[in-house]
């Protein structure tokens, strides 16, 4: 469940909390599809990181013709005004992931049934 993933994330952040001063945490998200459950999961993940990092950068990639995913990115950016939130249009998310041109924070949504 997403609760166990968030709990694991919180535990990892707690373990390294004294070593994160001045560290920049970057999250790269490139999703083709979202539903209400995955939206909730991503929100809680970002909220957890936003609360523990002084320097959080979120790169939200969306396919240039996907206005819904662009809007989702805008909603997340508005929810986390203290984070640097970049909304980036690209041609094809599938190619982005395959080419490994950026590091993707890739939680296997299917594994977590999101």
N, C-alpha and C. Protein backbone atom coordinates (compact mmCIF):
# COMPACT_ATOMS: atom_id res chain seq x y z
N UNK A 1 0.84 -1.19 0.00
CA UNK A 1 0.00 0.00 0.00
C UNK A 1 0.88 1.25 0.00
N UNK A 2 0.26 2.38 -0.32
CA UNK A 2 1.04 3.61 -0.35
C UNK A 2 1.49 4.02 1.04
N UNK A 3 0.74 3.61 2.09
CA UNK A 3 1.14 3.94 3.45
C UNK A 3 2.48 3.30 3.80
N UNK A 4 2.70 2.07 3.37
CA UNK A 4 3.97 1.41 3.68
C UNK A 4 5.12 2.03 2.91
N UNK A 5 4.85 2.49 1.70
CA UNK A 5 5.89 3.16 0.91
C UNK A 5 6.26 4.48 1.57
N UNK A 6 5.28 5.25 1.98
CA UNK A 6 5.53 6.52 2.65
C UNK A 6 6.24 6.29 3.97
N UNK A 7 5.83 5.27 4.72
CA UNK A 7 6.50 4.95 5.98
C UNK A 7 7.97 4.59 5.74
N UNK A 8 8.25 3.84 4.68
CA UNK A 8 9.63 3.50 4.33
C UNK A 8 10.42 4.74 3.97
N UNK A 9 9.81 5.64 3.22
CA UNK A 9 10.47 6.89 2.85
C UNK A 9 10.77 7.72 4.09
N UNK A 10 9.81 7.83 4.99
CA UNK A 10 10.02 8.58 6.23
C UNK A 10 11.14 7.97 7.07
N UNK A 11 11.18 6.64 7.13
CA UNK A 11 12.24 5.97 7.90
C UNK A 11 13.61 6.26 7.30
N UNK A 12 13.73 6.21 6.00
CA UNK A 12 15.00 6.51 5.34
C UNK A 12 15.41 7.96 5.58
N UNK A 13 14.47 8.87 5.50
CA UNK A 13 14.77 10.28 5.73
C UNK A 13 15.22 10.50 7.18
N UNK A 14 14.59 9.82 8.11
CA UNK A 14 14.96 9.93 9.52
C UNK A 14 16.39 9.45 9.75
N UNK A 15 16.76 8.34 9.09
CA UNK A 15 18.11 7.79 9.25
C UNK A 15 19.18 8.76 8.79
N UNK A 16 18.89 9.51 7.75
CA UNK A 16 19.94 10.39 7.21
C UNK A 16 19.67 11.87 7.50
N UNK A 17 18.75 12.16 8.42
CA UNK A 17 18.35 13.54 8.67
C UNK A 17 19.50 14.44 9.10
N UNK A 18 20.44 13.92 9.86
CA UNK A 18 21.53 14.78 10.31
C UNK A 18 22.57 15.03 9.22
N UNK A 19 22.44 14.34 8.09
CA UNK A 19 23.39 14.50 6.99
C UNK A 19 22.79 15.25 5.80
N UNK A 20 21.59 15.81 5.95
CA UNK A 20 20.92 16.43 4.82
C UNK A 20 21.02 17.95 4.79
N UNK A 21 21.72 18.53 5.73
CA UNK A 21 21.88 19.99 5.75
C UNK A 21 22.54 20.45 4.46
N UNK A 22 21.87 21.31 3.74
CA UNK A 22 22.41 21.85 2.50
C UNK A 22 22.29 20.93 1.30
N UNK A 23 21.72 19.74 1.49
CA UNK A 23 21.57 18.79 0.39
C UNK A 23 20.35 19.17 -0.44
N UNK A 24 20.50 19.06 -1.74
CA UNK A 24 19.39 19.28 -2.66
C UNK A 24 18.81 17.93 -3.03
N UNK A 25 17.52 17.77 -2.83
CA UNK A 25 16.83 16.55 -3.25
C UNK A 25 16.07 16.89 -4.52
N UNK A 26 16.30 16.08 -5.56
CA UNK A 26 15.62 16.28 -6.83
C UNK A 26 14.74 15.08 -7.13
N UNK A 27 13.49 15.35 -7.46
CA UNK A 27 12.56 14.32 -7.87
C UNK A 27 12.22 14.57 -9.34
N UNK A 28 12.44 13.56 -10.16
CA UNK A 28 12.05 13.62 -11.56
C UNK A 28 10.85 12.72 -11.76
N UNK A 29 9.73 13.31 -12.15
CA UNK A 29 8.51 12.55 -12.38
C UNK A 29 8.11 12.65 -13.84
N UNK A 30 7.93 11.52 -14.47
CA UNK A 30 7.49 11.46 -15.87
C UNK A 30 6.43 10.38 -15.96
N UNK A 31 5.19 10.79 -15.92
CA UNK A 31 4.07 9.85 -15.91
C UNK A 31 3.21 10.05 -17.15
N UNK A 32 2.72 8.95 -17.67
CA UNK A 32 1.80 9.04 -18.80
C UNK A 32 0.35 9.03 -18.35
N UNK A 33 0.09 8.41 -17.21
CA UNK A 33 -1.28 8.26 -16.72
C UNK A 33 -1.30 8.47 -15.22
N UNK A 34 -2.36 9.11 -14.75
CA UNK A 34 -2.56 9.26 -13.31
C UNK A 34 -4.02 9.00 -13.00
N UNK A 35 -4.26 8.47 -11.80
CA UNK A 35 -5.63 8.36 -11.31
C UNK A 35 -5.66 8.94 -9.90
N UNK A 36 -6.80 8.89 -9.26
CA UNK A 36 -6.90 9.53 -7.94
C UNK A 36 -5.99 8.87 -6.91
N UNK A 37 -5.78 7.56 -7.01
CA UNK A 37 -4.92 6.88 -6.04
C UNK A 37 -3.46 7.27 -6.27
N UNK A 38 -3.02 7.29 -7.51
CA UNK A 38 -1.62 7.66 -7.76
C UNK A 38 -1.39 9.14 -7.44
N UNK A 39 -2.40 9.98 -7.66
CA UNK A 39 -2.29 11.39 -7.30
C UNK A 39 -2.08 11.53 -5.80
N UNK A 40 -2.86 10.79 -5.03
CA UNK A 40 -2.72 10.82 -3.56
C UNK A 40 -1.33 10.35 -3.14
N UNK A 41 -0.88 9.27 -3.72
CA UNK A 41 0.43 8.70 -3.39
C UNK A 41 1.54 9.71 -3.69
N UNK A 42 1.52 10.30 -4.87
CA UNK A 42 2.56 11.26 -5.25
C UNK A 42 2.50 12.49 -4.35
N UNK A 43 1.30 12.95 -4.04
CA UNK A 43 1.14 14.08 -3.14
C UNK A 43 1.81 13.80 -1.79
N UNK A 44 1.52 12.63 -1.20
CA UNK A 44 2.10 12.30 0.11
C UNK A 44 3.61 12.12 0.03
N UNK A 45 4.09 11.57 -1.07
CA UNK A 45 5.54 11.41 -1.24
C UNK A 45 6.21 12.79 -1.28
N UNK A 46 5.66 13.70 -2.08
CA UNK A 46 6.24 15.04 -2.18
C UNK A 46 6.12 15.77 -0.85
N UNK A 47 4.99 15.64 -0.19
CA UNK A 47 4.78 16.29 1.11
C UNK A 47 5.82 15.82 2.13
N UNK A 48 6.08 14.52 2.13
CA UNK A 48 7.07 13.96 3.05
C UNK A 48 8.45 14.54 2.76
N UNK A 49 8.83 14.56 1.49
CA UNK A 49 10.14 15.10 1.12
C UNK A 49 10.20 16.61 1.33
N UNK A 50 9.13 17.30 1.02
CA UNK A 50 9.07 18.76 1.17
C UNK A 50 9.26 19.15 2.63
N UNK A 51 8.72 18.35 3.54
CA UNK A 51 8.84 18.64 4.96
C UNK A 51 10.22 18.36 5.52
N UNK A 52 11.00 17.56 4.83
CA UNK A 52 12.31 17.17 5.37
C UNK A 52 13.49 17.79 4.63
N UNK A 53 13.23 18.39 3.51
CA UNK A 53 14.34 18.95 2.71
C UNK A 53 14.22 20.46 2.64
N UNK A 54 15.33 21.12 2.87
CA UNK A 54 15.33 22.56 2.72
C UNK A 54 15.40 22.95 1.25
N UNK A 55 15.99 22.09 0.43
CA UNK A 55 16.15 22.36 -0.99
C UNK A 55 15.56 21.20 -1.79
N UNK A 56 14.30 21.33 -2.18
CA UNK A 56 13.62 20.29 -2.95
C UNK A 56 13.32 20.81 -4.34
N UNK A 57 13.76 20.07 -5.33
CA UNK A 57 13.48 20.40 -6.73
C UNK A 57 12.65 19.26 -7.31
N UNK A 58 11.55 19.63 -7.92
CA UNK A 58 10.69 18.64 -8.57
C UNK A 58 10.62 18.98 -10.05
N UNK A 59 11.01 18.03 -10.88
CA UNK A 59 10.90 18.17 -12.32
C UNK A 59 9.72 17.31 -12.78
N UNK A 60 8.68 17.97 -13.24
CA UNK A 60 7.45 17.30 -13.67
C UNK A 60 7.44 17.30 -15.20
N UNK A 61 7.66 16.13 -15.78
CA UNK A 61 7.68 16.00 -17.24
C UNK A 61 6.31 15.56 -17.74
N UNK A 62 5.87 16.17 -18.82
CA UNK A 62 4.62 15.76 -19.45
C UNK A 62 4.79 15.84 -20.97
N UNK A 63 4.03 15.00 -21.66
CA UNK A 63 4.09 15.04 -23.11
C UNK A 63 3.41 16.31 -23.60
N UNK A 64 4.02 16.95 -24.58
CA UNK A 64 3.62 18.29 -24.99
C UNK A 64 2.15 18.42 -25.37
N UNK A 65 1.50 17.35 -25.78
CA UNK A 65 0.09 17.44 -26.15
C UNK A 65 -0.85 16.97 -25.05
N UNK A 66 -0.33 16.74 -23.86
CA UNK A 66 -1.13 16.22 -22.75
C UNK A 66 -1.45 17.36 -21.76
N UNK A 67 -2.52 18.08 -22.07
CA UNK A 67 -2.90 19.22 -21.24
C UNK A 67 -3.32 18.80 -19.83
N UNK A 68 -3.91 17.61 -19.71
CA UNK A 68 -4.33 17.13 -18.39
C UNK A 68 -3.13 16.92 -17.47
N UNK A 69 -2.08 16.31 -18.00
CA UNK A 69 -0.90 16.06 -17.18
C UNK A 69 -0.16 17.38 -16.87
N UNK A 70 -0.19 18.31 -17.80
CA UNK A 70 0.38 19.63 -17.54
C UNK A 70 -0.38 20.30 -16.39
N UNK A 71 -1.70 20.19 -16.42
CA UNK A 71 -2.54 20.77 -15.37
C UNK A 71 -2.27 20.10 -14.02
N UNK A 72 -2.10 18.78 -14.02
CA UNK A 72 -1.75 18.08 -12.77
C UNK A 72 -0.46 18.65 -12.20
N UNK A 73 0.53 18.87 -13.06
CA UNK A 73 1.79 19.45 -12.61
C UNK A 73 1.58 20.82 -11.98
N UNK A 74 0.72 21.62 -12.60
CA UNK A 74 0.43 22.96 -12.06
C UNK A 74 -0.24 22.87 -10.69
N UNK A 75 -1.13 21.91 -10.53
CA UNK A 75 -1.79 21.73 -9.24
C UNK A 75 -0.80 21.34 -8.15
N UNK A 76 0.12 20.43 -8.50
CA UNK A 76 1.15 20.05 -7.54
C UNK A 76 2.06 21.23 -7.22
N UNK A 77 2.44 22.00 -8.24
CA UNK A 77 3.30 23.17 -7.99
C UNK A 77 2.62 24.14 -7.03
N UNK A 78 1.33 24.36 -7.21
CA UNK A 78 0.60 25.26 -6.32
C UNK A 78 0.49 24.71 -4.90
N UNK A 79 0.46 23.39 -4.78
CA UNK A 79 0.36 22.76 -3.45
C UNK A 79 1.67 22.84 -2.67
N UNK A 80 2.79 23.01 -3.38
CA UNK A 80 4.11 23.03 -2.74
C UNK A 80 4.90 24.27 -3.16
N UNK A 81 4.45 25.45 -2.75
CA UNK A 81 5.09 26.69 -3.20
C UNK A 81 6.52 26.89 -2.69
N UNK A 82 6.92 26.17 -1.66
CA UNK A 82 8.28 26.33 -1.14
C UNK A 82 9.31 25.50 -1.89
N UNK A 83 8.84 24.61 -2.74
CA UNK A 83 9.74 23.78 -3.54
C UNK A 83 9.93 24.42 -4.91
N UNK A 84 11.08 24.16 -5.49
CA UNK A 84 11.29 24.59 -6.87
C UNK A 84 10.64 23.53 -7.76
N UNK A 85 9.60 23.91 -8.45
CA UNK A 85 8.80 22.96 -9.21
C UNK A 85 8.85 23.34 -10.69
N UNK A 86 9.53 22.52 -11.47
CA UNK A 86 9.67 22.77 -12.90
C UNK A 86 8.70 21.90 -13.68
N UNK A 87 7.90 22.52 -14.53
CA UNK A 87 6.98 21.77 -15.38
C UNK A 87 7.58 21.80 -16.78
N UNK A 88 7.91 20.61 -17.30
CA UNK A 88 8.73 20.51 -18.51
C UNK A 88 8.00 19.71 -19.58
N UNK A 89 7.79 20.33 -20.72
CA UNK A 89 7.15 19.67 -21.86
C UNK A 89 8.20 18.89 -22.66
N UNK A 90 7.87 17.64 -23.00
CA UNK A 90 8.76 16.81 -23.81
C UNK A 90 7.95 16.12 -24.91
N UNK A 91 8.66 15.59 -25.91
CA UNK A 91 7.98 14.92 -27.03
C UNK A 91 7.36 13.60 -26.62
N UNK A 92 8.13 12.76 -25.94
CA UNK A 92 7.68 11.40 -25.66
C UNK A 92 8.28 10.90 -24.35
N UNK A 93 7.45 10.70 -23.37
CA UNK A 93 7.92 10.23 -22.07
C UNK A 93 8.59 8.87 -22.19
N UNK A 94 8.03 7.99 -23.01
CA UNK A 94 8.62 6.67 -23.19
C UNK A 94 10.06 6.74 -23.64
N UNK A 95 10.36 7.63 -24.59
CA UNK A 95 11.74 7.79 -25.06
C UNK A 95 12.62 8.40 -23.98
N UNK A 96 12.07 9.30 -23.20
CA UNK A 96 12.84 9.92 -22.11
C UNK A 96 13.32 8.85 -21.15
N UNK A 97 12.44 7.97 -20.76
CA UNK A 97 12.80 6.92 -19.82
C UNK A 97 13.79 5.96 -20.46
N UNK A 98 13.51 5.54 -21.69
CA UNK A 98 14.39 4.58 -22.36
C UNK A 98 15.80 5.12 -22.55
N UNK A 99 15.90 6.39 -22.90
CA UNK A 99 17.21 6.98 -23.17
C UNK A 99 17.97 7.31 -21.89
N UNK A 100 17.27 7.30 -20.78
CA UNK A 100 17.88 7.62 -19.49
C UNK A 100 18.60 8.97 -19.54
N UNK A 101 17.95 9.94 -20.20
CA UNK A 101 18.54 11.26 -20.25
C UNK A 101 18.38 12.01 -18.93
N UNK A 102 17.47 11.58 -18.11
CA UNK A 102 17.32 12.11 -16.75
C UNK A 102 17.09 10.94 -15.83
N UNK A 103 17.39 11.14 -14.57
CA UNK A 103 17.08 10.09 -13.60
C UNK A 103 15.60 10.22 -13.25
N UNK A 104 14.91 9.14 -13.35
CA UNK A 104 13.48 9.13 -13.07
C UNK A 104 13.26 8.45 -11.73
N UNK A 105 12.54 9.13 -10.87
CA UNK A 105 12.13 8.50 -9.63
C UNK A 105 11.00 7.56 -10.01
N UNK A 106 11.33 6.29 -10.17
CA UNK A 106 10.39 5.34 -10.77
C UNK A 106 9.88 4.35 -9.74
N UNK A 107 8.88 4.73 -9.05
CA UNK A 107 8.18 3.77 -8.20
C UNK A 107 7.29 2.97 -9.13
N UNK A 108 7.31 1.70 -8.99
CA UNK A 108 6.51 0.85 -9.86
C UNK A 108 5.07 0.91 -9.38
N UNK A 109 4.33 1.85 -9.98
CA UNK A 109 2.96 2.08 -9.54
C UNK A 109 2.13 0.80 -9.62
N UNK A 110 2.43 -0.01 -10.61
CA UNK A 110 1.70 -1.26 -10.74
C UNK A 110 1.96 -2.17 -9.53
N UNK A 111 3.20 -2.21 -9.10
CA UNK A 111 3.57 -3.04 -7.94
C UNK A 111 2.79 -2.62 -6.71
N UNK A 112 2.62 -1.30 -6.56
CA UNK A 112 1.91 -0.79 -5.39
C UNK A 112 0.42 -0.61 -5.66
N UNK A 113 -0.01 -1.15 -6.81
CA UNK A 113 -1.43 -1.10 -7.22
C UNK A 113 -1.97 0.31 -7.22
N UNK A 114 -1.16 1.22 -7.76
CA UNK A 114 -1.61 2.61 -7.86
C UNK A 114 -1.97 2.86 -9.27
